[in-house]
Amino acid sequence: MPMHLHVEVTIAASPADIAAVLFDPSREPEWASAVESVEILDNALRPGARVRRQLRVAGVDATVTTEVESVHFPHVLAMRIVDGPVTGSVRYDVLRTAEGSLVRLRGMAEPGGVVLSAQAAMLEGPAQTLLRQDLERLKQIVEG
């Protein structure tokens, strides 16, 4: 059973200022609590570019590799997990609003191996909370 995640936050900044942090994998450890480190395998932010991330989730270490499916800087970054203990996808949308920008994260994860599918339903709520906190950290960084 896949986990479906959706969190949003409004940030008082332009889409370009947000995407400069959000779309830069080397900055993920600053705001994404599960990301311990990143290895950029392909430098260009374009479809097919890959990044390997070392994660720590619920006390479990895991390595995942993502691949960019589509990018429209500074508004959209969509990736899929191509290697790791889960399969899935994540999409960031950055939309201009009167207050600044709405940042939307939508993801789908199908656990396997370390996390059984039956446990996915129990993890969905805590994962939503964790991602919401991550976007709040991103907000603090971008708003300064």
N, C-alpha and C. Protein backbone atom coordinates (compact mmCIF):
# COMPACT_ATOMS: atom_id res chain seq x y z
N MET A 1 0.85 -1.18 0.00
CA MET A 1 0.00 0.00 0.00
C MET A 1 0.89 1.24 0.00
N PRO A 2 0.78 2.08 -1.01
CA PRO A 2 1.65 3.26 -1.07
C PRO A 2 1.22 4.35 -0.10
N MET A 3 2.18 5.15 0.32
CA MET A 3 1.90 6.35 1.11
C MET A 3 1.75 7.51 0.14
N HIS A 4 0.72 8.31 0.34
CA HIS A 4 0.52 9.51 -0.46
C HIS A 4 0.70 10.71 0.47
N LEU A 5 1.61 11.59 0.13
CA LEU A 5 1.96 12.72 0.98
C LEU A 5 1.69 14.02 0.25
N HIS A 6 1.20 15.01 1.00
CA HIS A 6 0.90 16.32 0.41
C HIS A 6 1.00 17.34 1.53
N VAL A 7 1.96 18.24 1.41
CA VAL A 7 2.11 19.33 2.38
C VAL A 7 2.36 20.63 1.63
N GLU A 8 1.95 21.73 2.27
CA GLU A 8 2.10 23.06 1.67
C GLU A 8 2.53 24.06 2.72
N VAL A 9 3.23 25.10 2.26
CA VAL A 9 3.58 26.22 3.13
C VAL A 9 3.67 27.46 2.25
N THR A 10 3.27 28.59 2.81
CA THR A 10 3.43 29.86 2.11
C THR A 10 4.70 30.52 2.61
N ILE A 11 5.53 30.98 1.67
CA ILE A 11 6.80 31.61 1.99
C ILE A 11 6.80 33.01 1.39
N ALA A 12 7.20 33.99 2.19
CA ALA A 12 7.24 35.38 1.74
C ALA A 12 8.51 35.62 0.92
N ALA A 13 8.52 35.05 -0.28
CA ALA A 13 9.68 35.18 -1.18
C ALA A 13 9.24 34.84 -2.59
N SER A 14 10.06 35.20 -3.54
CA SER A 14 9.76 34.91 -4.94
C SER A 14 10.02 33.43 -5.24
N PRO A 15 9.36 32.88 -6.25
CA PRO A 15 9.64 31.50 -6.64
C PRO A 15 11.13 31.26 -6.92
N ALA A 16 11.82 32.21 -7.54
CA ALA A 16 13.25 32.03 -7.85
C ALA A 16 14.09 31.91 -6.58
N ASP A 17 13.79 32.73 -5.56
CA ASP A 17 14.54 32.67 -4.31
C ASP A 17 14.30 31.33 -3.60
N ILE A 18 13.08 30.84 -3.66
CA ILE A 18 12.74 29.56 -3.03
C ILE A 18 13.41 28.41 -3.78
N ALA A 19 13.25 28.40 -5.10
CA ALA A 19 13.82 27.32 -5.91
C ALA A 19 15.34 27.26 -5.81
N ALA A 20 15.98 28.39 -5.57
CA ALA A 20 17.44 28.40 -5.42
C ALA A 20 17.88 27.50 -4.27
N VAL A 21 17.04 27.34 -3.27
CA VAL A 21 17.33 26.45 -2.14
C VAL A 21 16.66 25.09 -2.36
N LEU A 22 15.37 25.11 -2.66
CA LEU A 22 14.56 23.89 -2.77
C LEU A 22 15.05 22.96 -3.87
N PHE A 23 15.47 23.51 -5.00
CA PHE A 23 15.87 22.68 -6.14
C PHE A 23 17.36 22.34 -6.13
N ASP A 24 18.10 22.78 -5.11
CA ASP A 24 19.54 22.53 -5.00
C ASP A 24 19.77 21.36 -4.05
N PRO A 25 20.08 20.17 -4.57
CA PRO A 25 20.23 19.02 -3.68
C PRO A 25 21.32 19.19 -2.63
N SER A 26 22.35 19.96 -2.93
CA SER A 26 23.43 20.14 -1.95
C SER A 26 22.95 20.88 -0.71
N ARG A 27 21.82 21.57 -0.79
CA ARG A 27 21.28 22.32 0.35
C ARG A 27 20.23 21.52 1.14
N GLU A 28 19.85 20.34 0.65
CA GLU A 28 18.81 19.56 1.33
C GLU A 28 19.12 19.25 2.80
N PRO A 29 20.36 18.90 3.17
CA PRO A 29 20.61 18.63 4.58
C PRO A 29 20.31 19.82 5.50
N GLU A 30 20.26 21.03 4.95
CA GLU A 30 19.94 22.22 5.75
C GLU A 30 18.48 22.24 6.18
N TRP A 31 17.59 21.70 5.36
CA TRP A 31 16.16 21.83 5.66
C TRP A 31 15.40 20.51 5.68
N ALA A 32 15.89 19.48 5.02
CA ALA A 32 15.20 18.19 4.97
C ALA A 32 15.80 17.28 6.04
N SER A 33 15.07 17.09 7.12
CA SER A 33 15.61 16.42 8.31
C SER A 33 16.07 14.99 8.06
N ALA A 34 15.49 14.27 7.11
CA ALA A 34 15.88 12.89 6.86
C ALA A 34 17.16 12.78 6.03
N VAL A 35 17.56 13.86 5.37
CA VAL A 35 18.71 13.82 4.46
C VAL A 35 19.99 14.08 5.25
N GLU A 36 20.82 13.04 5.33
CA GLU A 36 22.11 13.14 6.01
C GLU A 36 23.17 13.72 5.08
N SER A 37 23.19 13.25 3.83
CA SER A 37 24.16 13.74 2.85
C SER A 37 23.64 13.47 1.45
N VAL A 38 24.24 14.16 0.48
CA VAL A 38 23.87 13.96 -0.92
C VAL A 38 25.13 13.79 -1.76
N GLU A 39 24.99 13.03 -2.81
CA GLU A 39 26.04 12.88 -3.82
C GLU A 39 25.39 13.21 -5.16
N ILE A 40 25.79 14.31 -5.76
CA ILE A 40 25.23 14.72 -7.04
C ILE A 40 25.93 13.92 -8.13
N LEU A 41 25.16 13.09 -8.82
CA LEU A 41 25.73 12.23 -9.85
C LEU A 41 25.75 12.91 -11.22
N ASP A 42 24.81 13.80 -11.44
CA ASP A 42 24.73 14.58 -12.68
C ASP A 42 24.51 16.03 -12.30
N ASN A 43 25.42 16.91 -12.67
CA ASN A 43 25.38 18.29 -12.21
C ASN A 43 24.23 19.13 -12.75
N ALA A 44 23.82 18.92 -13.97
CA ALA A 44 22.80 19.78 -14.57
C ALA A 44 21.41 19.45 -14.01
N LEU A 45 20.64 20.49 -13.76
CA LEU A 45 19.25 20.30 -13.32
C LEU A 45 18.40 20.17 -14.58
N ARG A 46 18.23 18.91 -15.00
CA ARG A 46 17.51 18.62 -16.24
C ARG A 46 16.95 17.20 -16.14
N PRO A 47 15.99 16.86 -17.00
CA PRO A 47 15.48 15.48 -16.98
C PRO A 47 16.61 14.47 -17.14
N GLY A 48 16.55 13.45 -16.31
CA GLY A 48 17.56 12.40 -16.31
C GLY A 48 18.67 12.60 -15.29
N ALA A 49 18.82 13.80 -14.75
CA ALA A 49 19.86 14.06 -13.75
C ALA A 49 19.57 13.26 -12.48
N ARG A 50 20.62 12.69 -11.89
CA ARG A 50 20.45 11.83 -10.72
C ARG A 50 21.21 12.36 -9.51
N VAL A 51 20.64 12.07 -8.34
CA VAL A 51 21.25 12.43 -7.05
C VAL A 51 21.07 11.24 -6.12
N ARG A 52 22.15 10.87 -5.42
CA ARG A 52 22.08 9.81 -4.41
C ARG A 52 22.02 10.50 -3.05
N ARG A 53 21.06 10.08 -2.23
CA ARG A 53 20.87 10.66 -0.90
C ARG A 53 21.04 9.58 0.16
N GLN A 54 21.77 9.93 1.21
CA GLN A 54 21.86 9.07 2.39
C GLN A 54 20.83 9.60 3.38
N LEU A 55 19.85 8.76 3.73
CA LEU A 55 18.75 9.16 4.59
C LEU A 55 18.82 8.45 5.93
N ARG A 56 18.20 9.07 6.91
CA ARG A 56 17.97 8.43 8.21
C ARG A 56 16.51 8.70 8.53
N VAL A 57 15.71 7.63 8.48
CA VAL A 57 14.27 7.74 8.69
C VAL A 57 13.87 6.78 9.80
N ALA A 58 13.28 7.32 10.86
CA ALA A 58 12.84 6.52 12.00
C ALA A 58 13.96 5.62 12.51
N GLY A 59 15.18 6.17 12.56
CA GLY A 59 16.32 5.44 13.08
C GLY A 59 16.94 4.44 12.11
N VAL A 60 16.43 4.39 10.89
CA VAL A 60 16.93 3.45 9.89
C VAL A 60 17.68 4.22 8.80
N ASP A 61 18.91 3.77 8.50
CA ASP A 61 19.69 4.38 7.42
C ASP A 61 19.29 3.75 6.09
N ALA A 62 19.20 4.58 5.07
CA ALA A 62 18.86 4.09 3.73
C ALA A 62 19.52 5.00 2.71
N THR A 63 19.79 4.44 1.56
CA THR A 63 20.32 5.21 0.43
C THR A 63 19.31 5.13 -0.70
N VAL A 64 18.95 6.29 -1.25
CA VAL A 64 18.05 6.33 -2.40
C VAL A 64 18.68 7.18 -3.49
N THR A 65 18.39 6.81 -4.71
CA THR A 65 18.81 7.60 -5.86
C THR A 65 17.56 8.10 -6.56
N THR A 66 17.54 9.42 -6.81
CA THR A 66 16.41 10.01 -7.53
C THR A 66 16.88 10.46 -8.90
N GLU A 67 15.90 10.56 -9.80
CA GLU A 67 16.15 11.03 -11.15
C GLU A 67 15.11 12.08 -11.50
N VAL A 68 15.57 13.20 -12.04
CA VAL A 68 14.65 14.27 -12.43
C VAL A 68 13.80 13.79 -13.60
N GLU A 69 12.48 13.91 -13.43
CA GLU A 69 11.56 13.60 -14.53
C GLU A 69 11.25 14.86 -15.33
N SER A 70 11.01 15.97 -14.61
CA SER A 70 10.75 17.24 -15.30
C SER A 70 11.15 18.39 -14.39
N VAL A 71 11.53 19.48 -15.03
CA VAL A 71 11.89 20.68 -14.28
C VAL A 71 11.49 21.89 -15.12
N HIS A 72 10.88 22.84 -14.44
CA HIS A 72 10.55 24.14 -15.05
C HIS A 72 10.91 25.18 -13.99
N PHE A 73 12.18 25.55 -13.97
CA PHE A 73 12.68 26.47 -12.95
C PHE A 73 12.01 27.83 -13.12
N PRO A 74 11.52 28.43 -12.06
CA PRO A 74 11.59 28.06 -10.64
C PRO A 74 10.29 27.47 -10.11
N HIS A 75 9.47 26.91 -10.98
CA HIS A 75 8.12 26.52 -10.56
C HIS A 75 7.89 25.03 -10.31
N VAL A 76 8.59 24.15 -11.00
CA VAL A 76 8.30 22.71 -10.89
C VAL A 76 9.60 21.91 -10.89
N LEU A 77 9.66 20.95 -9.97
CA LEU A 77 10.70 19.92 -10.00
C LEU A 77 10.02 18.61 -9.65
N ALA A 78 10.06 17.66 -10.58
CA ALA A 78 9.47 16.33 -10.36
C ALA A 78 10.57 15.29 -10.49
N MET A 79 10.61 14.38 -9.51
CA MET A 79 11.64 13.34 -9.48
C MET A 79 11.00 12.00 -9.17
N ARG A 80 11.69 10.95 -9.54
CA ARG A 80 11.26 9.61 -9.15
C ARG A 80 12.43 8.90 -8.49
N ILE A 81 12.11 8.00 -7.59
CA ILE A 81 13.13 7.20 -6.92
C ILE A 81 13.45 6.04 -7.84
N VAL A 82 14.71 5.94 -8.25
CA VAL A 82 15.11 4.89 -9.19
C VAL A 82 15.90 3.77 -8.53
N ASP A 83 16.36 4.00 -7.29
CA ASP A 83 17.11 2.97 -6.59
C ASP A 83 16.98 3.22 -5.10
N GLY A 84 16.73 2.15 -4.35
CA GLY A 84 16.63 2.26 -2.90
C GLY A 84 15.58 1.32 -2.35
N PRO A 85 15.35 1.37 -1.04
CA PRO A 85 14.40 0.47 -0.39
C PRO A 85 12.94 0.85 -0.62
N VAL A 86 12.69 1.96 -1.30
CA VAL A 86 11.33 2.37 -1.64
C VAL A 86 11.30 2.76 -3.12
N THR A 87 10.12 2.68 -3.70
CA THR A 87 9.91 3.26 -5.02
C THR A 87 8.94 4.40 -4.82
N GLY A 88 8.95 5.34 -5.73
CA GLY A 88 8.01 6.44 -5.58
C GLY A 88 8.43 7.66 -6.35
N SER A 89 7.80 8.76 -5.99
CA SER A 89 8.05 10.02 -6.68
C SER A 89 7.83 11.18 -5.73
N VAL A 90 8.40 12.32 -6.09
CA VAL A 90 8.18 13.56 -5.34
C VAL A 90 8.10 14.70 -6.35
N ARG A 91 7.21 15.63 -6.06
CA ARG A 91 7.05 16.80 -6.94
C ARG A 91 6.95 18.04 -6.07
N TYR A 92 7.75 19.04 -6.41
CA TYR A 92 7.68 20.35 -5.77
C TYR A 92 7.07 21.33 -6.77
N ASP A 93 6.07 22.08 -6.32
CA ASP A 93 5.49 23.16 -7.10
C ASP A 93 5.68 24.44 -6.30
N VAL A 94 6.11 25.50 -6.96
CA VAL A 94 6.29 26.81 -6.32
C VAL A 94 5.44 27.79 -7.12
N LEU A 95 4.37 28.26 -6.48
CA LEU A 95 3.37 29.09 -7.16
C LEU A 95 3.34 30.49 -6.56
N ARG A 96 3.42 31.49 -7.39
CA ARG A 96 3.37 32.89 -6.94
C ARG A 96 1.99 33.17 -6.34
N THR A 97 1.99 33.85 -5.18
CA THR A 97 0.74 34.28 -4.53
C THR A 97 0.91 35.74 -4.09
N ALA A 98 -0.18 36.32 -3.61
CA ALA A 98 -0.12 37.71 -3.12
C ALA A 98 0.81 37.83 -1.92
N GLU A 99 0.94 36.76 -1.13
CA GLU A 99 1.78 36.77 0.07
C GLU A 99 3.22 36.39 -0.22
N GLY A 100 3.52 35.98 -1.43
CA GLY A 100 4.86 35.50 -1.78
C GLY A 100 4.74 34.32 -2.72
N SER A 101 4.90 33.12 -2.16
CA SER A 101 4.80 31.90 -2.97
C SER A 101 4.25 30.76 -2.12
N LEU A 102 3.45 29.92 -2.76
CA LEU A 102 2.96 28.69 -2.15
C LEU A 102 3.89 27.57 -2.59
N VAL A 103 4.46 26.86 -1.62
CA VAL A 103 5.31 25.72 -1.92
C VAL A 103 4.51 24.47 -1.59
N ARG A 104 4.37 23.62 -2.59
CA ARG A 104 3.59 22.39 -2.44
C ARG A 104 4.50 21.20 -2.71
N LEU A 105 4.50 20.25 -1.78
CA LEU A 105 5.23 19.00 -1.95
C LEU A 105 4.20 17.89 -2.05
N ARG A 106 4.28 17.12 -3.11
CA ARG A 106 3.43 15.95 -3.25
C ARG A 106 4.33 14.75 -3.50
N GLY A 107 4.08 13.69 -2.78
CA GLY A 107 4.92 12.51 -2.94
C GLY A 107 4.12 11.23 -2.83
N MET A 108 4.69 10.18 -3.37
CA MET A 108 4.14 8.85 -3.25
C MET A 108 5.31 7.92 -2.99
N ALA A 109 5.17 7.08 -1.99
CA ALA A 109 6.23 6.13 -1.67
C ALA A 109 5.63 4.75 -1.45
N GLU A 110 6.24 3.77 -2.05
CA GLU A 110 5.84 2.37 -1.90
C GLU A 110 6.98 1.67 -1.18
N PRO A 111 6.85 1.51 0.15
CA PRO A 111 7.94 0.89 0.91
C PRO A 111 8.13 -0.57 0.54
N GLY A 112 9.34 -1.02 0.67
CA GLY A 112 9.69 -2.41 0.48
C GLY A 112 10.93 -2.69 1.30
N GLY A 113 11.29 -3.92 1.40
CA GLY A 113 12.52 -4.26 2.12
C GLY A 113 12.43 -3.90 3.59
N VAL A 114 13.07 -2.79 3.97
CA VAL A 114 13.17 -2.39 5.37
C VAL A 114 11.80 -2.12 5.97
N VAL A 115 10.93 -1.48 5.21
CA VAL A 115 9.60 -1.13 5.71
C VAL A 115 8.57 -1.91 4.90
N LEU A 116 7.78 -2.69 5.58
CA LEU A 116 6.76 -3.47 4.90
C LEU A 116 5.59 -2.60 4.50
N SER A 117 4.94 -2.97 3.42
CA SER A 117 3.79 -2.20 2.93
C SER A 117 2.71 -2.06 3.99
N ALA A 118 2.53 -3.06 4.82
CA ALA A 118 1.51 -2.99 5.87
C ALA A 118 1.79 -1.88 6.86
N GLN A 119 3.05 -1.51 7.02
CA GLN A 119 3.43 -0.45 7.95
C GLN A 119 3.26 0.94 7.34
N ALA A 120 3.10 1.01 6.02
CA ALA A 120 3.03 2.30 5.34
C ALA A 120 1.89 3.16 5.88
N ALA A 121 0.74 2.55 6.13
CA ALA A 121 -0.40 3.32 6.63
C ALA A 121 -0.10 3.94 7.99
N MET A 122 0.66 3.23 8.83
CA MET A 122 1.01 3.75 10.15
C MET A 122 2.02 4.89 10.04
N LEU A 123 2.81 4.91 8.98
CA LEU A 123 3.86 5.91 8.83
C LEU A 123 3.40 7.17 8.11
N GLU A 124 2.24 7.10 7.44
CA GLU A 124 1.81 8.23 6.61
C GLU A 124 1.62 9.51 7.43
N GLY A 125 0.94 9.43 8.57
CA GLY A 125 0.72 10.61 9.41
C GLY A 125 2.02 11.22 9.91
N PRO A 126 2.90 10.42 10.53
CA PRO A 126 4.19 10.97 10.97
C PRO A 126 5.02 11.52 9.81
N ALA A 127 4.95 10.90 8.65
CA ALA A 127 5.70 11.41 7.49
C ALA A 127 5.18 12.77 7.07
N GLN A 128 3.86 12.95 7.07
CA GLN A 128 3.26 14.25 6.73
C GLN A 128 3.77 15.32 7.70
N THR A 129 3.77 15.00 8.99
CA THR A 129 4.23 15.94 10.01
C THR A 129 5.69 16.30 9.80
N LEU A 130 6.52 15.31 9.54
CA LEU A 130 7.94 15.54 9.31
C LEU A 130 8.17 16.44 8.09
N LEU A 131 7.45 16.17 7.01
CA LEU A 131 7.61 16.98 5.80
C LEU A 131 7.11 18.41 6.01
N ARG A 132 6.06 18.57 6.78
CA ARG A 132 5.56 19.92 7.10
C ARG A 132 6.63 20.69 7.87
N GLN A 133 7.27 20.02 8.84
CA GLN A 133 8.34 20.65 9.60
C GLN A 133 9.53 20.99 8.70
N ASP A 134 9.82 20.12 7.74
CA ASP A 134 10.90 20.39 6.79
C ASP A 134 10.61 21.65 5.98
N LEU A 135 9.38 21.78 5.49
CA LEU A 135 9.03 22.98 4.71
C LEU A 135 9.06 24.23 5.58
N GLU A 136 8.75 24.10 6.86
CA GLU A 136 8.86 25.26 7.77
C GLU A 136 10.33 25.66 7.93
N ARG A 137 11.25 24.67 7.98
CA ARG A 137 12.68 24.98 8.03
C ARG A 137 13.12 25.67 6.74
N LEU A 138 12.63 25.18 5.62
CA LEU A 138 12.93 25.82 4.33
C LEU A 138 12.46 27.27 4.36
N LYS A 139 11.28 27.50 4.89
CA LYS A 139 10.72 28.85 4.99
C LYS A 139 11.65 29.75 5.81
N GLN A 140 12.13 29.26 6.95
CA GLN A 140 13.03 30.05 7.79
C GLN A 140 14.32 30.40 7.05
N ILE A 141 14.85 29.46 6.29
CA ILE A 141 16.09 29.70 5.54
C ILE A 141 15.86 30.76 4.47
N VAL A 142 14.79 30.60 3.70
CA VAL A 142 14.55 31.50 2.58
C VAL A 142 14.17 32.90 3.05
N GLU A 143 13.33 32.97 4.09
CA GLU A 143 12.89 34.28 4.58
C GLU A 143 13.99 34.98 5.38
N GLY A 144 14.98 34.18 5.82
CA GLY A 144 16.13 34.76 6.53
C GLY A 144 15.77 35.21 7.89
